[in-house]
Structures are given as C-alpha cells and as structure tokens.
Amino acid sequence: MMEDFVKCLVSALMLCTAWAKQPNVVILFADDLGYGDLACYGHPTSLTPNLDRMSEEGLLFTQFYTASPLCSPSRAALMTSRYSPRSGVYPGVFAPNDVGGLPLNETTMAESLKSVGYSTAIVGKWHLGVGKDGMYLPTHQGFDYYMGIPYSHDMCMCDVCFYPDLKCSDPQNECNHGYVPCPVFENEKIIQQPAVKINLTEMYIDAATNFIKEKSEQSSPFFLYMAFQHTHKPQFSGKLATNSCIRGEFGDALAELDWGVGQILEELEKDGVSDNTFVFFTSDNGPSLEFRTHAGVQGALRCGKASTWDGGVRVPGIAWWPGKIRHGRTQELAATLDLFPTVMKLAGGKMPSVITDGVDMSPILFENKKSNRQNFVYYSASSTPQTGLYALRLRQYKAHFYTKGGECTDDYPDEVCRANYTLRAHSPPLLFNLNVDPSELYPLDPTEYADVSQEIEKVKEDFESTMVWGESQMARGKKDPSYEPCASPGCSPFPSCCHT
C-alpha cells in the first residue's frame, strides 16, 4: 500500500515539474485524411517521413476519434470540446455566403488559453463561418493572428493545382464555380484572391514558423492551430512535392502536408522550445471515398467521410513531446473533444462553465494508464433533434441506432457507404465488437449480448438527457453575394471580379 502511494506521489511530482512552465501547444489538423493513409498506419506507398518520425518518437493512437464525419461540425467540436449539436453547427457545413457561424458566445480553446496568458494563432482552414463583415472569422473567436482560406478550397473556382501549371483534376465537378475565388485572409484583410494553390502551403508554413519564432524569442507561451487544406479535394501541391510520390496526386498532396509538419517540428527544435511544446496531429474526419484514387483511404474500417461507420470518424492521432510523452502505441479510447481539457490542464487553466464532452488525456499521455473516456457518441452529418445520435460506443462495443449512406457513388462496392443508401432505424440496434471486428461486418447476436445492449441504452439515455440542441446555424440561411469575402466589394462582374 505504501509503495503504491509513493509511486503515485512521485508520478504527480513529475507531472507538476514537467509543466511548472506553461507548455506551448501545437495542433496539426489535416483535412479528409483517412485512418489508412499514413505510412505509420500501414499505407504501402505514402511518403510521410515526418509524421512517421512523430509516431516513432511520440505516441500513436489506434482508437482516436473525431467528433463528426464532416468538416464544420468536427472543427466546432475541436474548438469547444462540445458535440456540434450543442453549438448549433449542424447539419452539413458552412458555405461562403452563410449567415451563421460558430456562435460568438461559445468559448473556444483559443479564448481559454488567452485567458491564461497565451498568444494564439490559426493558420489554414477555419470553416466555422465568415458572416456579415467577417463577424465569425477567427480573430473574433480568440485568435490573435489568422492566415488562411476560411473554408474548403473546393468552394471556389478550380484553376492550377500542380506545379508548374497543371490544372486541377476535376473528375466529378469537384469545385463550386458559383462562389468568389478563394480568398487568403491575414487577420481580417484579404491579401490574396484567388489563392495560388501551388504556393499556398509554403505561405502557410512561413506564417506558422514565423509565429513560433517570434513567440519563442519573446518567451511567451503560444498556441498554434495549424489547419491544413490538405488532403481535401481537389488535391494540389507545389514544386517540392509534385511528382514526388508513386501514390499519384493524393500522394503528392500528402507529401506536401508531411513536409509542412516537418518544417514546424524543425522550427520548434531550432528555437529551443520542442522540449516545452505539446504537439498533436489528427484529421477532421475520414476520407472522401467518392473521389476514389484522388482521395484517401480508410484502411480496415468501413465507409468514410459523412458516415457514422468508423471509417468516417476514426482517424490518425499522434502525440509528440520529446522527454515528456512516452513513445509507442496506445489502444486507449480518445477523441478530438479531449484535446481542449487536456491542454487546459497543461496550461493551468479552467474549462468553460458549460457542459463539455471531453476528458483529460493526461493518464494516457504521461502515465501509461487507462483512458478517462469509456464511451463515444456518433452524430451524423445530417443528424437532427428528431433522430438524435446515430451510434454509441461503450468500451469495445458499438451500437448503431441509425445507419445512413455516406458520400460514395452508386457503384461503390459496399452499399451502406453509398449516398443513395437511405436512413434506416435499427431496433434492436446493430451491435459490433470493434476490438475483434473493426470493419463492422459481423453483428453480434442481441440476445446473447442483452446485458451489453441494456448498458448502452442506459448510457444513451443519460447522455441524451444532457443534450440541448442549439439553433441550427446552417438553417439561418444564405444571403446575397455581399456575404461572400471579396477583395473588391461591389465590383462587377461578380464573382470573377473579386481579386487582389
């Protein structure tokens, strides 16, 4: 008994010593990257040496989840540690001319870190709304600095995607030609329109590394949210990555993302702050399987983006902090929702005084202990208050109360992933053991697992009793073109006249 007490005391003292100085925080967020896309997750032809290095020196998660299978709700959950129905970020994603955005009364991770002395920056894709006069841009949500395109780059006209002048692959009309050309913001000013894709990642990385360097020189704790446009379609890459990988266009885009990760890690080391910086890499949702070889893969999982089968929401997760985080692999359950409370614990701050859905990951990261998370809730990209949650995982067991197709074409081999697979209710729910059947192919006999089903039903009931659905921000509608970010407001002919 005394020996156990001493071990606990030593562990606690080590943790206190580790972050007596507030650590810097870097979140590296990929877009539409599948569970099976990285070399360290088993892909045979991806070229990802920097992410492989992160996994070798850090902790690789095999059961890490994002809170939604779609961009905007996933990012809302990351920023708030709240499932997106609570904040009203449903259904679907924000368009350039949407009235709504992440409500300003939601407290973001950036706002909470600022309250305890952090400098904050986001570089890359925001996708939580622009709104009238840019009211929902990151500079109104806790970020001191912003550079990036505020939504997906397929919501713009397609042009050159690969160095030096190769056009974007557009096998299924990937790009929306009805909106303004992609704007690159610096804070609240458009500095480039249209965005030059073959230079975009370099521009992003210059901004990110300059922020790291400046704050390191000032000995100021910082939070960098590096939200890559990669690997959302259409794929693109610059001089360094084009034709660098035998995996084709997607492989080149992924290689460029990996290069960016390497540049950020190198800057942390060069500035002497890597031993005081918590870095976490993950993705917003699973791969866009509808675009076949132009998009990612889900590995052994079922379906992809927009689906509540695990291929839509189980994603890569890699934690890196030299000398602090143990290296290896973990099978413990964790989620993007957990990053906010984990970071606030490290920073010595408090979580917002509202219902949040994340748990502290410190026991997994630093103590080689069990996860504080025992369950995970799955909301669909099209969930409504009438359907509620679609699925729930409790330990290794997952119950599907509803299933609906994802974004796959009508000839995709697995029909449950197809866009034309209509909503189905399941009573009793479809039950799977994800530890032995990660592909969710073999439903368990509900009579044989009646106790598990009853326990899941109780967890579902308890959870849904706490869920108050916020006003749908997407249902607030779309406005006239004045809501779209244009470097030349009032110009004609719109939208092609919008340029710097």
Foldseek 3Di string as FASTA:
>chain_A
DVVVVVVVVVLVVVLCVLQVPQFAEEEAAAAQAAACFDVCSPDDFFDQVLVVVLQQQFEWEPAEWFLALAFQQSLLCLFQLARSLQQQADFDFDAQQFQFFRDLPGATLLQQLVVLFAAEEEEEEARRYQHFLRCRPCVSRNHPKYWYFDHAQLADDWAAFEPPGHTFDQPPNSHNHAAFAGFIDINSATPWPNDDNQCRLVVRLVVLLVVVLVCLVVVTHYYYYYYYSPPDPPAGYHDVQVVPTPLPRNSSSVVSSSVSSVSNCVSCVVSPRLQRYKYKYKYSWHHPCQVPSSIHDHPLAAATRQWQGVRSIGIIMGIHHRPAFHHDYDHAHAYSSAPSVQSCVSRVTDRDPADRNYHHQCCVGGVVDHGPDQKGFYQGSHDDPVVPTQWMGGHQKIWGQKAAAGDHDCPDPDNSNHNPGHIDGDVVTFMDRCVVRNHSPDGDDCVVVVVVSVVRVVVVVVVVVRDDGDHNSNVVDGDPSSSRDANDPPDPPPPHVRTD
